[in-house]
């Protein structure tokens, strides 16, 4: 007689439960009432799904640049993901300031990963896009 033979014989000697006894044990457990003071908490997946499905709007905002202080507003709008239409016509009478402002706008947009394109030929208007919006040239 081997080691495994003694183990197998012990398992054979155990009495098997009848299917009726199992059914009785299951029905006794089901009869217990559930506590009513437990609140249902939404699953984390449901909350995440609602956040993912929530639409994120992007706006096209027009900003007329008259001084260097307007550059901060442009930067904020780009960081929020909005498209910015920049009107530089008030600076046409000051070409040295216009040049510096345009260089600042180009650098700022490039640093944020966006793009710059001139919209009008007659007037000085630029369209600035955030990182996730690309312009087909």
C-alpha atoms as a PDB file:
ATOM      1  CA  UNK A   1       0.000   0.000   0.000  1.00  0.00           C
ATOM      2  CA  UNK A   2       1.429   3.348  -1.066  1.00  0.00           C
ATOM      3  CA  UNK A   3       1.131   6.817   0.348  1.00  0.00           C
ATOM      4  CA  UNK A   4      -1.506   7.923  -2.156  1.00  0.00           C
ATOM      5  CA  UNK A   5      -3.563   4.776  -1.644  1.00  0.00           C
ATOM      6  CA  UNK A   6      -4.067   5.597   2.048  1.00  0.00           C
ATOM      7  CA  UNK A   7      -5.195   9.155   1.204  1.00  0.00           C
ATOM      8  CA  UNK A   8      -7.624   8.002  -1.487  1.00  0.00           C
ATOM      9  CA  UNK A   9      -9.187   5.398   0.825  1.00  0.00           C
ATOM     10  CA  UNK A  10      -9.801   8.012   3.554  1.00  0.00           C
ATOM     11  CA  UNK A  11     -11.633  10.245   1.104  1.00  0.00           C
ATOM     12  CA  UNK A  12     -13.832   7.353  -0.016  1.00  0.00           C
ATOM     13  CA  UNK A  13     -14.956   6.658   3.556  1.00  0.00           C
ATOM     14  CA  UNK A  14     -16.467  10.144   4.047  1.00  0.00           C
ATOM     15  CA  UNK A  15     -20.255  10.082   3.801  1.00  0.00           C
ATOM     16  CA  UNK A  16     -21.623  12.162   0.956  1.00  0.00           C
ATOM     17  CA  UNK A  17     -24.379  14.697   1.592  1.00  0.00           C
ATOM     18  CA  UNK A  18     -27.642  14.058  -0.061  1.00  0.00           C
ATOM     19  CA  UNK A  19     -28.834  16.710  -2.525  1.00  0.00           C
ATOM     20  CA  UNK A  20     -31.902  17.369  -0.363  1.00  0.00           C
ATOM     21  CA  UNK A  21     -29.740  18.309   2.627  1.00  0.00           C
ATOM     22  CA  UNK A  22     -27.863  20.820   0.480  1.00  0.00           C
ATOM     23  CA  UNK A  23     -31.111  22.362  -0.760  1.00  0.00           C
ATOM     24  CA  UNK A  24     -32.363  22.753   2.818  1.00  0.00           C
ATOM     25  CA  UNK A  25     -29.130  24.497   3.885  1.00  0.00           C
ATOM     26  CA  UNK A  26     -29.344  26.951   0.976  1.00  0.00           C
ATOM     27  CA  UNK A  27     -32.990  27.840   1.607  1.00  0.00           C
ATOM     28  CA  UNK A  28     -32.298  28.510   5.294  1.00  0.00           C
ATOM     29  CA  UNK A  29     -29.607  31.068   4.392  1.00  0.00           C
ATOM     30  CA  UNK A  30     -31.872  32.886   1.922  1.00  0.00           C
ATOM     31  CA  UNK A  31     -34.599  33.436   4.493  1.00  0.00           C
ATOM     32  CA  UNK A  32     -32.501  35.905   6.520  1.00  0.00           C
ATOM     33  CA  UNK A  33     -33.761  39.478   6.033  1.00  0.00           C
ATOM     34  CA  UNK A  34     -31.350  42.015   4.589  1.00  0.00           C
ATOM     35  CA  UNK A  35     -30.564  45.119   6.657  1.00  0.00           C
ATOM     36  CA  UNK A  36     -32.545  48.157   5.448  1.00  0.00           C
ATOM     37  CA  UNK A  37     -30.195  50.860   6.734  1.00  0.00           C
ATOM     38  CA  UNK A  38     -27.550  50.233   4.054  1.00  0.00           C
ATOM     39  CA  UNK A  39     -27.363  53.019   1.453  1.00  0.00           C
ATOM     40  CA  UNK A  40     -26.475  52.359  -2.144  1.00  0.00           C
ATOM     41  CA  UNK A  41     -23.207  54.062  -3.075  1.00  0.00           C
ATOM     42  CA  UNK A  42     -22.512  54.693  -6.788  1.00  0.00           C
ATOM     43  CA  UNK A  43     -19.643  52.693  -8.162  1.00  0.00           C
ATOM     44  CA  UNK A  44     -16.416  54.438  -8.991  1.00  0.00           C
ATOM     45  CA  UNK A  45     -16.702  53.273 -12.591  1.00  0.00           C
ATOM     46  CA  UNK A  46     -20.068  55.034 -12.958  1.00  0.00           C
ATOM     47  CA  UNK A  47     -18.622  58.305 -11.719  1.00  0.00           C
ATOM     48  CA  UNK A  48     -15.648  58.013 -14.063  1.00  0.00           C
ATOM     49  CA  UNK A  49     -17.912  57.160 -16.991  1.00  0.00           C
ATOM     50  CA  UNK A  50     -20.016  60.277 -16.361  1.00  0.00           C
ATOM     51  CA  UNK A  51     -16.878  62.443 -16.304  1.00  0.00           C
ATOM     52  CA  UNK A  52     -15.589  60.935 -19.534  1.00  0.00           C
ATOM     53  CA  UNK A  53     -18.894  61.400 -21.352  1.00  0.00           C
ATOM     54  CA  UNK A  54     -19.326  64.988 -20.133  1.00  0.00           C
ATOM     55  CA  UNK A  55     -18.777  67.280 -23.132  1.00  0.00           C
ATOM     56  CA  UNK A  56     -15.931  69.770 -23.043  1.00  0.00           C
ATOM     57  CA  UNK A  57     -16.686  72.911 -25.016  1.00  0.00           C
ATOM     58  CA  UNK A  58     -14.092  74.957 -26.860  1.00  0.00           C
ATOM     59  CA  UNK A  59     -14.787  78.548 -27.744  1.00  0.00           C
ATOM     60  CA  UNK A  60     -13.452  80.935 -30.359  1.00  0.00           C
ATOM     61  CA  UNK A  61     -12.711  84.192 -28.545  1.00  0.00           C
ATOM     62  CA  UNK A  62     -11.754  87.496 -30.119  1.00  0.00           C
ATOM     63  CA  UNK A  63      -9.218  89.682 -28.333  1.00  0.00           C
ATOM     64  CA  UNK A  64      -8.246  93.143 -29.569  1.00  0.00           C
ATOM     65  CA  UNK A  65      -4.640  93.806 -28.576  1.00  0.00           C
ATOM     66  CA  UNK A  66      -3.893  97.383 -27.581  1.00  0.00           C
ATOM     67  CA  UNK A  67      -0.999  96.804 -25.146  1.00  0.00           C
ATOM     68  CA  UNK A  68       1.236  94.132 -23.624  1.00  0.00           C
ATOM     69  CA  UNK A  69      -1.324  93.436 -20.881  1.00  0.00           C
ATOM     70  CA  UNK A  70      -3.620  91.767 -23.430  1.00  0.00           C
ATOM     71  CA  UNK A  71      -1.009  89.040 -23.957  1.00  0.00           C
ATOM     72  CA  UNK A  72      -1.859  87.583 -20.552  1.00  0.00           C
ATOM     73  CA  UNK A  73      -5.521  87.145 -21.548  1.00  0.00           C
ATOM     74  CA  UNK A  74      -4.440  85.424 -24.769  1.00  0.00           C
ATOM     75  CA  UNK A  75      -2.232  83.024 -22.812  1.00  0.00           C
ATOM     76  CA  UNK A  76      -5.054  82.173 -20.382  1.00  0.00           C
ATOM     77  CA  UNK A  77      -7.476  81.421 -23.199  1.00  0.00           C
ATOM     78  CA  UNK A  78      -4.993  79.151 -24.972  1.00  0.00           C
ATOM     79  CA  UNK A  79      -4.269  77.291 -21.743  1.00  0.00           C
ATOM     80  CA  UNK A  80      -8.017  76.689 -21.298  1.00  0.00           C
ATOM     81  CA  UNK A  81      -8.100  75.116 -24.772  1.00  0.00           C
ATOM     82  CA  UNK A  82      -9.964  77.888 -26.577  1.00  0.00           C
ATOM     83  CA  UNK A  83      -9.183  79.248 -30.038  1.00  0.00           C
ATOM     84  CA  UNK A  84      -8.235  82.933 -30.055  1.00  0.00           C
ATOM     85  CA  UNK A  85      -8.782  85.407 -32.875  1.00  0.00           C
ATOM     86  CA  UNK A  86      -6.294  88.227 -32.231  1.00  0.00           C
ATOM     87  CA  UNK A  87      -6.982  91.640 -33.763  1.00  0.00           C
ATOM     88  CA  UNK A  88      -3.783  93.698 -34.009  1.00  0.00           C
ATOM     89  CA  UNK A  89      -5.150  96.611 -36.098  1.00  0.00           C
ATOM     90  CA  UNK A  90      -4.907  99.162 -33.219  1.00  0.00           C
ATOM     91  CA  UNK A  91      -1.126  98.613 -33.192  1.00  0.00           C
ATOM     92  CA  UNK A  92      -0.656  99.425 -36.909  1.00  0.00           C
ATOM     93  CA  UNK A  93       0.294 102.999 -36.023  1.00  0.00           C
ATOM     94  CA  UNK A  94       3.116 101.696 -33.745  1.00  0.00           C
ATOM     95  CA  UNK A  95       5.149  99.269 -35.914  1.00  0.00           C
ATOM     96  CA  UNK A  96       7.933  98.700 -33.338  1.00  0.00           C
ATOM     97  CA  UNK A  97       5.430  97.622 -30.664  1.00  0.00           C
ATOM     98  CA  UNK A  98       3.498  95.561 -33.234  1.00  0.00           C
ATOM     99  CA  UNK A  99       6.628  93.596 -34.114  1.00  0.00           C
ATOM    100  CA  UNK A 100       7.416  92.824 -30.461  1.00  0.00           C
ATOM    101  CA  UNK A 101       3.838  91.816 -29.719  1.00  0.00           C
ATOM    102  CA  UNK A 102       3.704  89.462 -32.705  1.00  0.00           C
ATOM    103  CA  UNK A 103       6.996  87.828 -31.623  1.00  0.00           C
ATOM    104  CA  UNK A 104       5.631  87.426 -28.086  1.00  0.00           C
ATOM    105  CA  UNK A 105       2.427  85.843 -29.407  1.00  0.00           C
ATOM    106  CA  UNK A 106       4.341  83.425 -31.655  1.00  0.00           C
ATOM    107  CA  UNK A 107       6.688  82.393 -28.841  1.00  0.00           C
ATOM    108  CA  UNK A 108       3.894  81.967 -26.323  1.00  0.00           C
ATOM    109  CA  UNK A 109       1.797  79.879 -28.720  1.00  0.00           C
ATOM    110  CA  UNK A 110       4.759  77.687 -29.652  1.00  0.00           C
ATOM    111  CA  UNK A 111       5.596  77.165 -25.968  1.00  0.00           C
ATOM    112  CA  UNK A 112       2.040  75.970 -25.338  1.00  0.00           C
ATOM    113  CA  UNK A 113       2.201  73.647 -28.355  1.00  0.00           C
ATOM    114  CA  UNK A 114      -0.305  75.608 -30.442  1.00  0.00           C
ATOM    115  CA  UNK A 115      -0.222  77.104 -33.908  1.00  0.00           C
ATOM    116  CA  UNK A 116      -0.498  80.616 -35.389  1.00  0.00           C
ATOM    117  CA  UNK A 117      -1.949  81.572 -38.776  1.00  0.00           C
ATOM    118  CA  UNK A 118      -2.688  84.962 -40.330  1.00  0.00           C
ATOM    119  CA  UNK A 119      -6.371  85.226 -41.234  1.00  0.00           C
ATOM    120  CA  UNK A 120      -6.747  88.476 -43.207  1.00  0.00           C
ATOM    121  CA  UNK A 121      -4.494  90.024 -45.843  1.00  0.00           C
ATOM    122  CA  UNK A 122      -5.703  93.624 -45.431  1.00  0.00           C
ATOM    123  CA  UNK A 123      -5.935  93.680 -41.636  1.00  0.00           C
ATOM    124  CA  UNK A 124      -3.595  92.185 -39.087  1.00  0.00           C
ATOM    125  CA  UNK A 125      -5.581  89.329 -37.546  1.00  0.00           C
ATOM    126  CA  UNK A 126      -4.131  86.090 -36.255  1.00  0.00           C
ATOM    127  CA  UNK A 127      -5.843  82.822 -35.341  1.00  0.00           C
ATOM    128  CA  UNK A 128      -4.210  81.004 -32.429  1.00  0.00           C
ATOM    129  CA  UNK A 129      -5.052  77.378 -31.708  1.00  0.00           C
ATOM    130  CA  UNK A 130      -4.305  75.266 -28.625  1.00  0.00           C
ATOM    131  CA  UNK A 131      -2.217  72.112 -28.693  1.00  0.00           C
ATOM    132  CA  UNK A 132      -5.035  69.702 -29.600  1.00  0.00           C
ATOM    133  CA  UNK A 133      -6.317  71.734 -32.602  1.00  0.00           C
ATOM    134  CA  UNK A 134      -4.233  71.675 -35.776  1.00  0.00           C
ATOM    135  CA  UNK A 135      -4.453  74.023 -38.766  1.00  0.00           C
ATOM    136  CA  UNK A 136      -4.228  72.554 -42.283  1.00  0.00           C
ATOM    137  CA  UNK A 137      -2.135  74.985 -44.293  1.00  0.00           C
END
